[in-house]
C-alpha atoms as a PDB file:
ATOM      1  CA  UNK A   1     -40.963 108.680  91.430  1.00  0.00           C
ATOM      2  CA  UNK A   2     -38.855 107.077  94.356  1.00  0.00           C
ATOM      3  CA  UNK A   3     -37.126 104.033  92.675  1.00  0.00           C
ATOM      4  CA  UNK A   4     -35.732 102.870  95.847  1.00  0.00           C
ATOM      5  CA  UNK A   5     -38.997 102.473  97.785  1.00  0.00           C
ATOM      6  CA  UNK A   6     -41.848 102.347  95.222  1.00  0.00           C
ATOM      7  CA  UNK A   7     -44.537  99.398  95.371  1.00  0.00           C
ATOM      8  CA  UNK A   8     -43.025  98.386  91.804  1.00  0.00           C
ATOM      9  CA  UNK A   9     -39.417  97.748  93.541  1.00  0.00           C
ATOM     10  CA  UNK A  10     -40.907  96.138  96.670  1.00  0.00           C
ATOM     11  CA  UNK A  11     -42.850  93.836  94.394  1.00  0.00           C
ATOM     12  CA  UNK A  12     -39.844  92.975  92.522  1.00  0.00           C
ATOM     13  CA  UNK A  13     -37.905  92.188  95.574  1.00  0.00           C
ATOM     14  CA  UNK A  14     -40.625  89.852  97.097  1.00  0.00           C
ATOM     15  CA  UNK A  15     -40.791  88.297  93.831  1.00  0.00           C
ATOM     16  CA  UNK A  16     -36.955  87.777  93.857  1.00  0.00           C
ATOM     17  CA  UNK A  17     -37.536  86.342  97.315  1.00  0.00           C
ATOM     18  CA  UNK A  18     -40.096  83.922  96.009  1.00  0.00           C
ATOM     19  CA  UNK A  19     -38.443  82.541  93.231  1.00  0.00           C
ATOM     20  CA  UNK A  20     -35.190  82.109  95.352  1.00  0.00           C
ATOM     21  CA  UNK A  21     -37.523  80.235  98.002  1.00  0.00           C
ATOM     22  CA  UNK A  22     -38.758  77.949  95.116  1.00  0.00           C
ATOM     23  CA  UNK A  23     -35.304  77.272  93.767  1.00  0.00           C
ATOM     24  CA  UNK A  24     -34.288  75.825  97.298  1.00  0.00           C
ATOM     25  CA  UNK A  25     -37.572  73.733  97.585  1.00  0.00           C
ATOM     26  CA  UNK A  26     -36.769  72.360  93.804  1.00  0.00           C
ATOM     27  CA  UNK A  27     -33.056  71.305  95.187  1.00  0.00           C
ATOM     28  CA  UNK A  28     -34.282  69.992  98.094  1.00  0.00           C
ATOM     29  CA  UNK A  29     -37.092  67.797  95.902  1.00  0.00           C
ATOM     30  CA  UNK A  30     -34.437  66.608  93.361  1.00  0.00           C
ATOM     31  CA  UNK A  31     -31.725  66.080  96.164  1.00  0.00           C
ATOM     32  CA  UNK A  32     -34.303  63.797  98.086  1.00  0.00           C
ATOM     33  CA  UNK A  33     -35.762  62.022  94.941  1.00  0.00           C
ATOM     34  CA  UNK A  34     -34.755  58.506  96.118  1.00  0.00           C
ATOM     35  CA  UNK A  35     -35.317  59.041  99.996  1.00  0.00           C
ATOM     36  CA  UNK A  36     -38.524  56.820 100.604  1.00  0.00           C
ATOM     37  CA  UNK A  37     -41.348  58.595 102.030  1.00  0.00           C
ATOM     38  CA  UNK A  38     -40.312  62.191 101.105  1.00  0.00           C
ATOM     39  CA  UNK A  39     -42.857  64.584 100.164  1.00  0.00           C
ATOM     40  CA  UNK A  40     -42.548  67.263  97.546  1.00  0.00           C
ATOM     41  CA  UNK A  41     -42.248  70.619  98.658  1.00  0.00           C
ATOM     42  CA  UNK A  42     -44.392  72.831  96.863  1.00  0.00           C
ATOM     43  CA  UNK A  43     -43.857  76.964  97.391  1.00  0.00           C
ATOM     44  CA  UNK A  44     -46.852  79.283  96.833  1.00  0.00           C
ATOM     45  CA  UNK A  45     -47.062  82.886  96.793  1.00  0.00           C
ATOM     46  CA  UNK A  46     -48.788  84.118  93.489  1.00  0.00           C
ATOM     47  CA  UNK A  47     -52.498  83.206  94.176  1.00  0.00           C
ATOM     48  CA  UNK A  48     -52.631  84.567  97.754  1.00  0.00           C
ATOM     49  CA  UNK A  49     -50.794  87.829  96.805  1.00  0.00           C
ATOM     50  CA  UNK A  50     -52.691  88.119  93.678  1.00  0.00           C
ATOM     51  CA  UNK A  51     -56.307  87.696  95.581  1.00  0.00           C
ATOM     52  CA  UNK A  52     -55.000  90.531  98.481  1.00  0.00           C
ATOM     53  CA  UNK A  53     -53.840  93.019  95.918  1.00  0.00           C
ATOM     54  CA  UNK A  54     -57.037  92.772  94.474  1.00  0.00           C
ATOM     55  CA  UNK A  55     -58.843  93.374  97.460  1.00  0.00           C
ATOM     56  CA  UNK A  56     -56.516  96.273  98.379  1.00  0.00           C
ATOM     57  CA  UNK A  57     -57.117  97.825  95.162  1.00  0.00           C
ATOM     58  CA  UNK A  58     -60.823  98.288  96.527  1.00  0.00           C
ATOM     59  CA  UNK A  59     -59.894 100.325  99.376  1.00  0.00           C
ATOM     60  CA  UNK A  60     -60.382 104.149 100.234  1.00  0.00           C
ATOM     61  CA  UNK A  61     -56.532 104.558  99.562  1.00  0.00           C
ATOM     62  CA  UNK A  62     -55.288 101.544  97.142  1.00  0.00           C
ATOM     63  CA  UNK A  63     -51.654 102.740  96.923  1.00  0.00           C
ATOM     64  CA  UNK A  64     -51.125 102.443 100.824  1.00  0.00           C
ATOM     65  CA  UNK A  65     -53.137  99.320 101.120  1.00  0.00           C
ATOM     66  CA  UNK A  66     -51.173  97.691  98.306  1.00  0.00           C
ATOM     67  CA  UNK A  67     -47.867  98.651 100.000  1.00  0.00           C
ATOM     68  CA  UNK A  68     -49.265  96.694 103.219  1.00  0.00           C
ATOM     69  CA  UNK A  69     -50.144  93.711 101.623  1.00  0.00           C
ATOM     70  CA  UNK A  70     -46.829  93.755  99.658  1.00  0.00           C
ATOM     71  CA  UNK A  71     -44.792  94.245 102.949  1.00  0.00           C
ATOM     72  CA  UNK A  72     -46.432  91.620 104.767  1.00  0.00           C
ATOM     73  CA  UNK A  73     -46.325  89.153 102.047  1.00  0.00           C
ATOM     74  CA  UNK A  74     -43.992  86.121 102.263  1.00  0.00           C
ATOM     75  CA  UNK A  75     -43.582  82.460 100.109  1.00  0.00           C
ATOM     76  CA  UNK A  76     -45.214  79.390 101.891  1.00  0.00           C
ATOM     77  CA  UNK A  77     -43.607  76.413 101.502  1.00  0.00           C
ATOM     78  CA  UNK A  78     -45.854  73.124 102.145  1.00  0.00           C
ATOM     79  CA  UNK A  79     -45.494  69.527 101.197  1.00  0.00           C
ATOM     80  CA  UNK A  80     -47.424  67.719  98.304  1.00  0.00           C
ATOM     81  CA  UNK A  81     -49.489  64.710  99.091  1.00  0.00           C
ATOM     82  CA  UNK A  82     -49.374  63.295  95.972  1.00  0.00           C
ATOM     83  CA  UNK A  83     -47.492  59.811  95.673  1.00  0.00           C
ATOM     84  CA  UNK A  84     -46.200  58.866  92.526  1.00  0.00           C
ATOM     85  CA  UNK A  85     -44.086  55.831  93.561  1.00  0.00           C
ATOM     86  CA  UNK A  86     -44.513  52.495  95.796  1.00  0.00           C
ATOM     87  CA  UNK A  87     -42.041  53.916  98.290  1.00  0.00           C
ATOM     88  CA  UNK A  88     -44.571  57.210  99.207  1.00  0.00           C
ATOM     89  CA  UNK A  89     -41.910  59.289  97.373  1.00  0.00           C
ATOM     90  CA  UNK A  90     -43.873  62.275  95.553  1.00  0.00           C
ATOM     91  CA  UNK A  91     -40.992  63.793  93.492  1.00  0.00           C
ATOM     92  CA  UNK A  92     -40.908  63.711  89.623  1.00  0.00           C
ATOM     93  CA  UNK A  93     -37.433  64.617  88.588  1.00  0.00           C
ATOM     94  CA  UNK A  94     -38.091  65.555  85.361  1.00  0.00           C
ATOM     95  CA  UNK A  95     -41.052  67.827  86.273  1.00  0.00           C
ATOM     96  CA  UNK A  96     -38.820  69.460  89.201  1.00  0.00           C
ATOM     97  CA  UNK A  97     -35.779  70.117  86.328  1.00  0.00           C
ATOM     98  CA  UNK A  98     -38.688  71.668  84.008  1.00  0.00           C
ATOM     99  CA  UNK A  99     -39.652  73.879  86.838  1.00  0.00           C
ATOM    100  CA  UNK A 100     -35.954  74.803  87.819  1.00  0.00           C
ATOM    101  CA  UNK A 101     -35.299  75.827  84.387  1.00  0.00           C
ATOM    102  CA  UNK A 102     -38.560  77.849  84.214  1.00  0.00           C
ATOM    103  CA  UNK A 103     -37.684  79.847  87.522  1.00  0.00           C
ATOM    104  CA  UNK A 104     -34.161  80.572  86.627  1.00  0.00           C
ATOM    105  CA  UNK A 105     -35.584  82.407  83.557  1.00  0.00           C
ATOM    106  CA  UNK A 106     -38.185  84.282  85.849  1.00  0.00           C
ATOM    107  CA  UNK A 107     -35.245  84.942  88.324  1.00  0.00           C
ATOM    108  CA  UNK A 108     -33.315  86.584  85.288  1.00  0.00           C
ATOM    109  CA  UNK A 109     -36.100  88.567  84.218  1.00  0.00           C
ATOM    110  CA  UNK A 110     -36.773  89.971  87.698  1.00  0.00           C
ATOM    111  CA  UNK A 111     -33.205  90.788  87.964  1.00  0.00           C
ATOM    112  CA  UNK A 112     -33.015  92.428  84.781  1.00  0.00           C
ATOM    113  CA  UNK A 113     -35.737  94.832  85.922  1.00  0.00           C
ATOM    114  CA  UNK A 114     -34.137  95.621  88.966  1.00  0.00           C
ATOM    115  CA  UNK A 115     -31.194  96.568  87.136  1.00  0.00           C
ATOM    116  CA  UNK A 116     -32.963  98.769  84.624  1.00  0.00           C
ATOM    117  CA  UNK A 117     -34.519 100.522  87.495  1.00  0.00           C
ATOM    118  CA  UNK A 118     -31.175 101.230  89.081  1.00  0.00           C
ATOM    119  CA  UNK A 119     -29.409 101.742  85.755  1.00  0.00           C
ATOM    120  CA  UNK A 120     -31.877 104.806  85.568  1.00  0.00           C
ATOM    121  CA  UNK A 121     -31.265 105.891  89.106  1.00  0.00           C
ATOM    122  CA  UNK A 122     -27.688 105.794  88.343  1.00  0.00           C
ATOM    123  CA  UNK A 123     -28.149 107.903  85.445  1.00  0.00           C
ATOM    124  CA  UNK A 124     -30.198 110.565  87.103  1.00  0.00           C
ATOM    125  CA  UNK A 125     -27.762 110.709  89.845  1.00  0.00           C
ATOM    126  CA  UNK A 126     -24.924 111.277  87.660  1.00  0.00           C
ATOM    127  CA  UNK A 127     -27.048 113.963  85.391  1.00  0.00           C
ATOM    128  CA  UNK A 128     -26.292 111.641  82.301  1.00  0.00           C
END
């Protein structure tokens, strides 16, 4: 198995990119929590990727189709239109901080998975 170019490693790479984008959006949201008219940023990735991977798995060459889906997947940043205050600001700082913590844990698990794969590869190269 090619650990550097497998669909699993590409999925981990895309997941880490998504989580990084999500953390940046959360930081923007928290820093603009007192800005009148600011709309909360929301990052989406999981739902659209899941449905596209499901469609790819039904094709004649599912591994190749899934690879194409993964290579073409990017996070989408959009504005939430929900208003929570009179000044049209839609940021709930408590919810944002909770999501930041959740995202940090997810990043930790993804990094751990990447590290595990690279450790296995290093052991194979060294013959240990």
